[in-house]
Amino acid sequence: MATFGGLALLLPMLIMVLHPTKLTAVTTTVVCVLFVGIVLSFSMHNAEDKDILAASAEYAAVLVVFVGTSTTTSELSNGAIGAISGGLIGIVYFDTLPQA
């Protein structure tokens, strides 16, 4: 799972760095978030739907922050502030879930 997690973050970032257009960044993010969500739903058998949703949302937030900071000339624009806040809210929510 650690290898999958590392590749899930590094491969989209590598694609977005090597082909730095907004269309590539958005398409890569959408495809990777869908792929990771599907993989998580099949690999986390004992997890509830909300756990998979929270993990997918946190992953999406990381990619959106990368997209926002790498495809714009101004700092914290194009949704980066929303992505950062969404990621923080997701982490707080995910950490406050009761442990089984």
PDB file of N, CA and C in Angstrom:
ATOM      1  N   MET A   1       0.833  -1.196   0.000  1.00  0.00           N
ATOM      2  CA  MET A   1       0.000   0.000   0.000  1.00  0.00           C
ATOM      3  C   MET A   1       0.870   1.249   0.000  1.00  0.00           C
ATOM      4  N   ALA A   2       2.032   1.193   0.650  1.00  0.00           N
ATOM      5  CA  ALA A   2       2.934   2.344   0.659  1.00  0.00           C
ATOM      6  C   ALA A   2       3.449   2.639  -0.747  1.00  0.00           C
ATOM      7  N   THR A   3       3.758   1.591  -1.507  1.00  0.00           N
ATOM      8  CA  THR A   3       4.218   1.779  -2.882  1.00  0.00           C
ATOM      9  C   THR A   3       3.119   2.400  -3.728  1.00  0.00           C
ATOM     10  N   PHE A   4       1.896   1.910  -3.563  1.00  0.00           N
ATOM     11  CA  PHE A   4       0.759   2.470  -4.306  1.00  0.00           C
ATOM     12  C   PHE A   4       0.554   3.937  -3.938  1.00  0.00           C
ATOM     13  N   GLY A   5       0.622   4.253  -2.654  1.00  0.00           N
ATOM     14  CA  GLY A   5       0.443   5.632  -2.211  1.00  0.00           C
ATOM     15  C   GLY A   5       1.503   6.565  -2.782  1.00  0.00           C
ATOM     16  N   GLY A   6       2.739   6.103  -2.782  1.00  0.00           N
ATOM     17  CA  GLY A   6       3.815   6.917  -3.342  1.00  0.00           C
ATOM     18  C   GLY A   6       3.648   7.131  -4.833  1.00  0.00           C
ATOM     19  N   LEU A   7       3.331   6.064  -5.546  1.00  0.00           N
ATOM     20  CA  LEU A   7       3.135   6.185  -6.990  1.00  0.00           C
ATOM     21  C   LEU A   7       1.907   7.020  -7.325  1.00  0.00           C
ATOM     22  N   ALA A   8       0.871   6.908  -6.509  1.00  0.00           N
ATOM     23  CA  ALA A   8      -0.354   7.672  -6.753  1.00  0.00           C
ATOM     24  C   ALA A   8      -0.102   9.168  -6.640  1.00  0.00           C
ATOM     25  N   LEU A   9       0.890   9.566  -5.863  1.00  0.00           N
ATOM     26  CA  LEU A   9       1.228  10.988  -5.747  1.00  0.00           C
ATOM     27  C   LEU A   9       2.293  11.410  -6.756  1.00  0.00           C
ATOM     28  N   LEU A  10       3.284  10.562  -6.973  1.00  0.00           N
ATOM     29  CA  LEU A  10       4.405  10.954  -7.821  1.00  0.00           C
ATOM     30  C   LEU A  10       4.083  10.920  -9.311  1.00  0.00           C
ATOM     31  N   LEU A  11       3.356   9.920  -9.768  1.00  0.00           N
ATOM     32  CA  LEU A  11       3.070   9.817 -11.201  1.00  0.00           C
ATOM     33  C   LEU A  11       2.243  10.990 -11.734  1.00  0.00           C
ATOM     34  N   PRO A  12       1.144  11.383 -11.073  1.00  0.00           N
ATOM     35  CA  PRO A  12       0.418  12.542 -11.603  1.00  0.00           C
ATOM     36  C   PRO A  12       1.256  13.821 -11.574  1.00  0.00           C
ATOM     37  N   MET A  13       2.045  13.997 -10.528  1.00  0.00           N
ATOM     38  CA  MET A  13       2.881  15.195 -10.455  1.00  0.00           C
ATOM     39  C   MET A  13       3.935  15.186 -11.554  1.00  0.00           C
ATOM     40  N   LEU A  14       4.493  14.029 -11.848  1.00  0.00           N
ATOM     41  CA  LEU A  14       5.472  13.915 -12.921  1.00  0.00           C
ATOM     42  C   LEU A  14       4.841  14.261 -14.270  1.00  0.00           C
ATOM     43  N   ILE A  15       3.634  13.760 -14.514  1.00  0.00           N
ATOM     44  CA  ILE A  15       2.926  14.076 -15.757  1.00  0.00           C
ATOM     45  C   ILE A  15       2.676  15.575 -15.856  1.00  0.00           C
ATOM     46  N   MET A  16       2.231  16.179 -14.757  1.00  0.00           N
ATOM     47  CA  MET A  16       1.910  17.610 -14.782  1.00  0.00           C
ATOM     48  C   MET A  16       3.150  18.493 -14.911  1.00  0.00           C
ATOM     49  N   VAL A  17       4.289  18.029 -14.409  1.00  0.00           N
ATOM     50  CA  VAL A  17       5.521  18.807 -14.536  1.00  0.00           C
ATOM     51  C   VAL A  17       6.073  18.699 -15.962  1.00  0.00           C
ATOM     52  N   LEU A  18       5.996  17.501 -16.547  1.00  0.00           N
ATOM     53  CA  LEU A  18       6.551  17.300 -17.886  1.00  0.00           C
ATOM     54  C   LEU A  18       5.682  17.914 -18.982  1.00  0.00           C
ATOM     55  N   HIS A  19       4.388  18.065 -18.728  1.00  0.00           N
ATOM     56  CA  HIS A  19       3.476  18.667 -19.709  1.00  0.00           C
ATOM     57  C   HIS A  19       2.636  19.722 -18.990  1.00  0.00           C
ATOM     58  N   PRO A  20       3.203  20.900 -18.733  1.00  0.00           N
ATOM     59  CA  PRO A  20       2.558  21.891 -17.856  1.00  0.00           C
ATOM     60  C   PRO A  20       1.476  22.747 -18.527  1.00  0.00           C
ATOM     61  N   THR A  21       0.362  22.118 -18.877  1.00  0.00           N
ATOM     62  CA  THR A  21      -0.790  22.897 -19.338  1.00  0.00           C
ATOM     63  C   THR A  21      -1.935  22.681 -18.358  1.00  0.00           C
ATOM     64  N   LYS A  22      -2.835  23.629 -18.327  1.00  0.00           N
ATOM     65  CA  LYS A  22      -3.959  23.526 -17.408  1.00  0.00           C
ATOM     66  C   LYS A  22      -4.844  22.324 -17.752  1.00  0.00           C
ATOM     67  N   LEU A  23      -5.056  22.057 -19.047  1.00  0.00           N
ATOM     68  CA  LEU A  23      -5.872  20.911 -19.463  1.00  0.00           C
ATOM     69  C   LEU A  23      -5.255  19.595 -19.007  1.00  0.00           C
ATOM     70  N   THR A  24      -3.950  19.464 -19.168  1.00  0.00           N
ATOM     71  CA  THR A  24      -3.266  18.249 -18.716  1.00  0.00           C
ATOM     72  C   THR A  24      -3.392  18.090 -17.208  1.00  0.00           C
ATOM     73  N   ALA A  25      -3.230  19.171 -16.478  1.00  0.00           N
ATOM     74  CA  ALA A  25      -3.303  19.108 -15.023  1.00  0.00           C
ATOM     75  C   ALA A  25      -4.691  18.692 -14.551  1.00  0.00           C
ATOM     76  N   VAL A  26      -5.723  19.296 -15.127  1.00  0.00           N
ATOM     77  CA  VAL A  26      -7.085  18.968 -14.709  1.00  0.00           C
ATOM     78  C   VAL A  26      -7.447  17.543 -15.116  1.00  0.00           C
ATOM     79  N   THR A  27      -7.107  17.152 -16.333  1.00  0.00           N
ATOM     80  CA  THR A  27      -7.408  15.795 -16.802  1.00  0.00           C
ATOM     81  C   THR A  27      -6.674  14.754 -15.970  1.00  0.00           C
ATOM     82  N   THR A  28      -5.414  14.990 -15.701  1.00  0.00           N
ATOM     83  CA  THR A  28      -4.628  14.060 -14.886  1.00  0.00           C
ATOM     84  C   THR A  28      -5.226  13.932 -13.486  1.00  0.00           C
ATOM     85  N   THR A  29      -5.623  15.047 -12.912  1.00  0.00           N
ATOM     86  CA  THR A  29      -6.214  15.015 -11.570  1.00  0.00           C
ATOM     87  C   THR A  29      -7.506  14.216 -11.558  1.00  0.00           C
ATOM     88  N   VAL A  30      -8.381  14.467 -12.516  1.00  0.00           N
ATOM     89  CA  VAL A  30      -9.669  13.759 -12.557  1.00  0.00           C
ATOM     90  C   VAL A  30      -9.460  12.261 -12.739  1.00  0.00           C
ATOM     91  N   VAL A  31      -8.626  11.883 -13.688  1.00  0.00           N
ATOM     92  CA  VAL A  31      -8.401  10.458 -13.960  1.00  0.00           C
ATOM     93  C   VAL A  31      -7.763   9.772 -12.758  1.00  0.00           C
ATOM     94  N   CYS A  32      -6.774  10.411 -12.155  1.00  0.00           N
ATOM     95  CA  CYS A  32      -6.086   9.796 -11.014  1.00  0.00           C
ATOM     96  C   CYS A  32      -6.988   9.689  -9.786  1.00  0.00           C
ATOM     97  N   VAL A  33      -7.802  10.698  -9.529  1.00  0.00           N
ATOM     98  CA  VAL A  33      -8.720  10.627  -8.380  1.00  0.00           C
ATOM     99  C   VAL A  33      -9.734   9.505  -8.580  1.00  0.00           C
ATOM    100  N   LEU A  34     -10.268   9.379  -9.793  1.00  0.00           N
ATOM    101  CA  LEU A  34     -11.199   8.275 -10.061  1.00  0.00           C
ATOM    102  C   LEU A  34     -10.510   6.924  -9.885  1.00  0.00           C
ATOM    103  N   PHE A  35      -9.290   6.791 -10.412  1.00  0.00           N
ATOM    104  CA  PHE A  35      -8.554   5.535 -10.309  1.00  0.00           C
ATOM    105  C   PHE A  35      -8.258   5.187  -8.851  1.00  0.00           C
ATOM    106  N   VAL A  36      -7.774   6.155  -8.096  1.00  0.00           N
ATOM    107  CA  VAL A  36      -7.452   5.904  -6.684  1.00  0.00           C
ATOM    108  C   VAL A  36      -8.718   5.564  -5.900  1.00  0.00           C
ATOM    109  N   GLY A  37      -9.820   6.244  -6.180  1.00  0.00           N
ATOM    110  CA  GLY A  37     -11.080   5.924  -5.511  1.00  0.00           C
ATOM    111  C   GLY A  37     -11.525   4.497  -5.776  1.00  0.00           C
ATOM    112  N   ILE A  38     -11.380   4.050  -7.017  1.00  0.00           N
ATOM    113  CA  ILE A  38     -11.754   2.672  -7.364  1.00  0.00           C
ATOM    114  C   ILE A  38     -10.837   1.680  -6.671  1.00  0.00           C
ATOM    115  N   VAL A  39      -9.537   1.942  -6.690  1.00  0.00           N
ATOM    116  CA  VAL A  39      -8.587   1.044  -6.027  1.00  0.00           C
ATOM    117  C   VAL A  39      -8.868   0.976  -4.527  1.00  0.00           C
ATOM    118  N   LEU A  40      -9.128   2.129  -3.902  1.00  0.00           N
ATOM    119  CA  LEU A  40      -9.422   2.131  -2.464  1.00  0.00           C
ATOM    120  C   LEU A  40     -10.699   1.362  -2.152  1.00  0.00           C
ATOM    121  N   SER A  41     -11.705   1.487  -3.002  1.00  0.00           N
ATOM    122  CA  SER A  41     -12.970   0.793  -2.728  1.00  0.00           C
ATOM    123  C   SER A  41     -12.815  -0.718  -2.812  1.00  0.00           C
ATOM    124  N   PHE A  42     -11.912  -1.190  -3.668  1.00  0.00           N
ATOM    125  CA  PHE A  42     -11.688  -2.630  -3.759  1.00  0.00           C
ATOM    126  C   PHE A  42     -10.702  -3.137  -2.716  1.00  0.00           C
ATOM    127  N   SER A  43      -9.766  -2.293  -2.283  1.00  0.00           N
ATOM    128  CA  SER A  43      -8.732  -2.764  -1.368  1.00  0.00           C
ATOM    129  C   SER A  43      -9.113  -2.597   0.107  1.00  0.00           C
ATOM    130  N   MET A  44     -10.005  -1.668   0.415  1.00  0.00           N
ATOM    131  CA  MET A  44     -10.392  -1.436   1.812  1.00  0.00           C
ATOM    132  C   MET A  44     -11.726  -2.129   2.082  1.00  0.00           C
ATOM    133  N   HIS A  45     -11.680  -3.436   2.239  1.00  0.00           N
ATOM    134  CA  HIS A  45     -12.899  -4.231   2.374  1.00  0.00           C
ATOM    135  C   HIS A  45     -13.686  -3.917   3.634  1.00  0.00           C
ATOM    136  N   ASN A  46     -12.996  -3.631   4.723  1.00  0.00           N
ATOM    137  CA  ASN A  46     -13.670  -3.397   5.997  1.00  0.00           C
ATOM    138  C   ASN A  46     -14.022  -1.932   6.230  1.00  0.00           C
ATOM    139  N   ALA A  47     -13.682  -1.078   5.293  1.00  0.00           N
ATOM    140  CA  ALA A  47     -13.923   0.355   5.468  1.00  0.00           C
ATOM    141  C   ALA A  47     -15.357   0.707   5.090  1.00  0.00           C
ATOM    142  N   GLU A  48     -15.871   1.725   5.760  1.00  0.00           N
ATOM    143  CA  GLU A  48     -17.194   2.234   5.404  1.00  0.00           C
ATOM    144  C   GLU A  48     -17.060   3.184   4.222  1.00  0.00           C
ATOM    145  N   ASP A  49     -18.177   3.481   3.581  1.00  0.00           N
ATOM    146  CA  ASP A  49     -18.174   4.362   2.418  1.00  0.00           C
ATOM    147  C   ASP A  49     -17.590   5.735   2.747  1.00  0.00           C
ATOM    148  N   LYS A  50     -17.906   6.242   3.940  1.00  0.00           N
ATOM    149  CA  LYS A  50     -17.412   7.572   4.315  1.00  0.00           C
ATOM    150  C   LYS A  50     -15.901   7.583   4.469  1.00  0.00           C
ATOM    151  N   ASP A  51     -15.300   6.465   4.851  1.00  0.00           N
ATOM    152  CA  ASP A  51     -13.843   6.402   4.972  1.00  0.00           C
ATOM    153  C   ASP A  51     -13.178   6.477   3.602  1.00  0.00           C
ATOM    154  N   ILE A  52     -13.742   5.778   2.632  1.00  0.00           N
ATOM    155  CA  ILE A  52     -13.211   5.809   1.277  1.00  0.00           C
ATOM    156  C   ILE A  52     -13.407   7.192   0.673  1.00  0.00           C
ATOM    157  N   LEU A  53     -14.559   7.804   0.935  1.00  0.00           N
ATOM    158  CA  LEU A  53     -14.816   9.157   0.448  1.00  0.00           C
ATOM    159  C   LEU A  53     -13.830  10.148   1.052  1.00  0.00           C
ATOM    160  N   ALA A  54     -13.565  10.036   2.347  1.00  0.00           N
ATOM    161  CA  ALA A  54     -12.628  10.942   3.013  1.00  0.00           C
ATOM    162  C   ALA A  54     -11.216  10.773   2.460  1.00  0.00           C
ATOM    163  N   ALA A  55     -10.787   9.536   2.259  1.00  0.00           N
ATOM    164  CA  ALA A  55      -9.442   9.292   1.719  1.00  0.00           C
ATOM    165  C   ALA A  55      -9.333   9.823   0.294  1.00  0.00           C
ATOM    166  N   SER A  56     -10.364   9.625  -0.509  1.00  0.00           N
ATOM    167  CA  SER A  56     -10.354  10.139  -1.887  1.00  0.00           C
ATOM    168  C   SER A  56     -10.355  11.664  -1.905  1.00  0.00           C
ATOM    169  N   ALA A  57     -11.108  12.270  -1.002  1.00  0.00           N
ATOM    170  CA  ALA A  57     -11.159  13.735  -0.941  1.00  0.00           C
ATOM    171  C   ALA A  57      -9.811  14.312  -0.527  1.00  0.00           C
ATOM    172  N   GLU A  58      -9.143  13.671   0.410  1.00  0.00           N
ATOM    173  CA  GLU A  58      -7.828  14.149   0.828  1.00  0.00           C
ATOM    174  C   GLU A  58      -6.809  14.007  -0.299  1.00  0.00           C
ATOM    175  N   TYR A  59      -6.889  12.909  -1.037  1.00  0.00           N
ATOM    176  CA  TYR A  59      -6.000  12.717  -2.182  1.00  0.00           C
ATOM    177  C   TYR A  59      -6.263  13.785  -3.243  1.00  0.00           C
ATOM    178  N   ALA A  60      -7.533  14.041  -3.520  1.00  0.00           N
ATOM    179  CA  ALA A  60      -7.898  15.065  -4.500  1.00  0.00           C
ATOM    180  C   ALA A  60      -7.395  16.436  -4.050  1.00  0.00           C
ATOM    181  N   ALA A  61      -7.479  16.725  -2.769  1.00  0.00           N
ATOM    182  CA  ALA A  61      -7.018  18.019  -2.253  1.00  0.00           C
ATOM    183  C   ALA A  61      -5.525  18.201  -2.481  1.00  0.00           C
ATOM    184  N   VAL A  62      -4.762  17.143  -2.290  1.00  0.00           N
ATOM    185  CA  VAL A  62      -3.311  17.228  -2.513  1.00  0.00           C
ATOM    186  C   VAL A  62      -3.022  17.533  -3.977  1.00  0.00           C
ATOM    187  N   LEU A  63      -3.700  16.834  -4.890  1.00  0.00           N
ATOM    188  CA  LEU A  63      -3.461  17.074  -6.314  1.00  0.00           C
ATOM    189  C   LEU A  63      -3.932  18.457  -6.743  1.00  0.00           C
ATOM    190  N   VAL A  64      -5.057  18.907  -6.204  1.00  0.00           N
ATOM    191  CA  VAL A  64      -5.574  20.223  -6.579  1.00  0.00           C
ATOM    192  C   VAL A  64      -4.634  21.325  -6.093  1.00  0.00           C
ATOM    193  N   VAL A  65      -4.048  21.157  -4.939  1.00  0.00           N
ATOM    194  CA  VAL A  65      -3.070  22.139  -4.463  1.00  0.00           C
ATOM    195  C   VAL A  65      -1.883  22.175  -5.418  1.00  0.00           C
ATOM    196  N   PHE A  66      -1.427  21.018  -5.850  1.00  0.00           N
ATOM    197  CA  PHE A  66      -0.314  20.982  -6.800  1.00  0.00           C
ATOM    198  C   PHE A  66      -0.705  21.656  -8.115  1.00  0.00           C
ATOM    199  N   VAL A  67      -1.908  21.392  -8.606  1.00  0.00           N
ATOM    200  CA  VAL A  67      -2.389  22.018  -9.837  1.00  0.00           C
ATOM    201  C   VAL A  67      -2.461  23.525  -9.654  1.00  0.00           C
ATOM    202  N   GLY A  68      -3.007  23.977  -8.542  1.00  0.00           N
ATOM    203  CA  GLY A  68      -3.166  25.407  -8.303  1.00  0.00           C
ATOM    204  C   GLY A  68      -1.855  26.152  -8.173  1.00  0.00           C
ATOM    205  N   THR A  69      -0.861  25.507  -7.622  1.00  0.00           N
ATOM    206  CA  THR A  69       0.414  26.188  -7.423  1.00  0.00           C
ATOM    207  C   THR A  69       1.345  26.051  -8.614  1.00  0.00           C
ATOM    208  N   SER A  70       1.122  25.070  -9.460  1.00  0.00           N
ATOM    209  CA  SER A  70       2.056  24.868 -10.569  1.00  0.00           C
ATOM    210  C   SER A  70       1.566  25.435 -11.894  1.00  0.00           C
ATOM    211  N   THR A  71       0.276  25.709 -12.035  1.00  0.00           N
ATOM    212  CA  THR A  71      -0.231  26.171 -13.328  1.00  0.00           C
ATOM    213  C   THR A  71      -0.653  27.632 -13.308  1.00  0.00           C
ATOM    214  N   THR A  72      -0.287  28.365 -12.286  1.00  0.00           N
ATOM    215  CA  THR A  72      -0.668  29.774 -12.215  1.00  0.00           C
ATOM    216  C   THR A  72       0.542  30.614 -11.863  1.00  0.00           C
ATOM    217  N   THR A  73       0.472  31.886 -12.202  1.00  0.00           N
ATOM    218  CA  THR A  73       1.595  32.761 -11.877  1.00  0.00           C
ATOM    219  C   THR A  73       1.427  33.442 -10.527  1.00  0.00           C
ATOM    220  N   SER A  74       0.185  33.575 -10.064  1.00  0.00           N
ATOM    221  CA  SER A  74      -0.032  34.200  -8.767  1.00  0.00           C
ATOM    222  C   SER A  74      -0.157  33.137  -7.692  1.00  0.00           C
ATOM    223  N   GLU A  75       0.197  33.518  -6.481  1.00  0.00           N
ATOM    224  CA  GLU A  75       0.145  32.565  -5.378  1.00  0.00           C
ATOM    225  C   GLU A  75      -1.273  32.430  -4.854  1.00  0.00           C
ATOM    226  N   LEU A  76      -1.619  31.210  -4.439  1.00  0.00           N
ATOM    227  CA  LEU A  76      -2.891  30.886  -3.805  1.00  0.00           C
ATOM    228  C   LEU A  76      -4.101  31.380  -4.602  1.00  0.00           C
ATOM    229  N   SER A  77      -4.108  31.060  -5.881  1.00  0.00           N
ATOM    230  CA  SER A  77      -5.277  31.376  -6.688  1.00  0.00           C
ATOM    231  C   SER A  77      -5.752  30.100  -7.375  1.00  0.00           C
ATOM    232  N   ASN A  78      -6.785  30.231  -8.179  1.00  0.00           N
ATOM    233  CA  ASN A  78      -7.356  29.106  -8.914  1.00  0.00           C
ATOM    234  C   ASN A  78      -7.774  27.958  -7.999  1.00  0.00           C
ATOM    235  N   GLY A  79      -8.310  28.270  -6.855  1.00  0.00           N
ATOM    236  CA  GLY A  79      -8.843  27.237  -5.974  1.00  0.00           C
ATOM    237  C   GLY A  79      -7.870  26.645  -4.994  1.00  0.00           C
ATOM    238  N   ALA A  80      -6.637  27.120  -4.950  1.00  0.00           N
ATOM    239  CA  ALA A  80      -5.659  26.540  -4.023  1.00  0.00           C
ATOM    240  C   ALA A  80      -6.073  26.772  -2.579  1.00  0.00           C
ATOM    241  N   ILE A  81      -6.634  27.943  -2.282  1.00  0.00           N
ATOM    242  CA  ILE A  81      -7.079  28.211  -0.912  1.00  0.00           C
ATOM    243  C   ILE A  81      -8.194  27.244  -0.539  1.00  0.00           C
ATOM    244  N   GLY A  82      -9.129  27.022  -1.458  1.00  0.00           N
ATOM    245  CA  GLY A  82     -10.211  26.070  -1.203  1.00  0.00           C
ATOM    246  C   GLY A  82      -9.690  24.653  -1.034  1.00  0.00           C
ATOM    247  N   ALA A  83      -8.702  24.289  -1.829  1.00  0.00           N
ATOM    248  CA  ALA A  83      -8.136  22.946  -1.717  1.00  0.00           C
ATOM    249  C   ALA A  83      -7.413  22.758  -0.391  1.00  0.00           C
ATOM    250  N   ILE A  84      -6.669  23.769   0.022  1.00  0.00           N
ATOM    251  CA  ILE A  84      -5.962  23.676   1.301  1.00  0.00           C
ATOM    252  C   ILE A  84      -6.966  23.561   2.441  1.00  0.00           C
ATOM    253  N   SER A  85      -8.016  24.427   2.407  1.00  0.00           N
ATOM    254  CA  SER A  85      -9.010  24.349   3.479  1.00  0.00           C
ATOM    255  C   SER A  85      -9.758  23.028   3.456  1.00  0.00           C
ATOM    256  N   GLY A  86     -10.096  22.548   2.238  1.00  0.00           N
ATOM    257  CA  GLY A  86     -10.799  21.266   2.135  1.00  0.00           C
ATOM    258  C   GLY A  86      -9.951  20.119   2.641  1.00  0.00           C
ATOM    259  N   GLY A  87      -8.654  20.162   2.335  1.00  0.00           N
ATOM    260  CA  GLY A  87      -7.760  19.122   2.831  1.00  0.00           C
ATOM    261  C   GLY A  87      -7.656  19.140   4.343  1.00  0.00           C
ATOM    262  N   LEU A  88      -7.557  20.335   4.917  1.00  0.00           N
ATOM    263  CA  LEU A  88      -7.476  20.435   6.380  1.00  0.00           C
ATOM    264  C   LEU A  88      -8.776  19.960   7.038  1.00  0.00           C
ATOM    265  N   ILE A  89      -9.903  20.351   6.454  1.00  0.00           N
ATOM    266  CA  ILE A  89     -11.195  19.899   6.997  1.00  0.00           C
ATOM    267  C   ILE A  89     -11.306  18.386   6.894  1.00  0.00           C
ATOM    268  N   GLY A  90     -10.861  17.830   5.759  1.00  0.00           N
ATOM    269  CA  GLY A  90     -10.894  16.379   5.584  1.00  0.00           C
ATOM    270  C   GLY A  90     -10.017  15.657   6.593  1.00  0.00           C
ATOM    271  N   ILE A  91      -8.839  16.207   6.846  1.00  0.00           N
ATOM    272  CA  ILE A  91      -7.934  15.579   7.821  1.00  0.00           C
ATOM    273  C   ILE A  91      -8.550  15.627   9.212  1.00  0.00           C
ATOM    274  N   VAL A  92      -9.109  16.762   9.583  1.00  0.00           N
ATOM    275  CA  VAL A  92      -9.740  16.891  10.899  1.00  0.00           C
ATOM    276  C   VAL A  92     -10.906  15.920  11.013  1.00  0.00           C
ATOM    277  N   TYR A  93     -11.746  15.850   9.965  1.00  0.00           N
ATOM    278  CA  TYR A  93     -12.891  14.942   9.978  1.00  0.00           C
ATOM    279  C   TYR A  93     -12.417  13.501  10.078  1.00  0.00           C
ATOM    280  N   PHE A  94     -11.422  13.135   9.251  1.00  0.00           N
ATOM    281  CA  PHE A  94     -10.955  11.760   9.207  1.00  0.00           C
ATOM    282  C   PHE A  94     -10.319  11.358  10.533  1.00  0.00           C
ATOM    283  N   ASP A  95      -9.617  12.291  11.179  1.00  0.00           N
ATOM    284  CA  ASP A  95      -8.969  11.987  12.451  1.00  0.00           C
ATOM    285  C   ASP A  95      -9.948  11.914  13.615  1.00  0.00           C
ATOM    286  N   THR A  96     -11.132  12.512  13.479  1.00  0.00           N
ATOM    287  CA  THR A  96     -12.093  12.489  14.577  1.00  0.00           C
ATOM    288  C   THR A  96     -13.084  11.337  14.475  1.00  0.00           C
ATOM    289  N   LEU A  97     -12.962  10.512  13.425  1.00  0.00           N
ATOM    290  CA  LEU A  97     -13.847   9.350  13.324  1.00  0.00           C
ATOM    291  C   LEU A  97     -13.530   8.362  14.439  1.00  0.00           C
ATOM    292  N   PRO A  98     -14.544   7.702  14.972  1.00  0.00           N
ATOM    293  CA  PRO A  98     -14.271   6.706  16.015  1.00  0.00           C
ATOM    294  C   PRO A  98     -13.451   5.548  15.458  1.00  0.00           C
ATOM    295  N   GLN A  99     -12.466   5.126  16.221  1.00  0.00           N
ATOM    296  CA  GLN A  99     -11.622   4.022  15.799  1.00  0.00           C
ATOM    297  C   GLN A  99     -12.295   2.703  16.124  1.00  0.00           C
ATOM    298  N   ALA A 100     -12.250   1.762  15.186  1.00  0.00           N
ATOM    299  CA  ALA A 100     -12.901   0.460  15.382  1.00  0.00           C
ATOM    300  C   ALA A 100     -11.952  -0.509  16.032  1.00  0.00           C
TER     301      ALA A 100
END
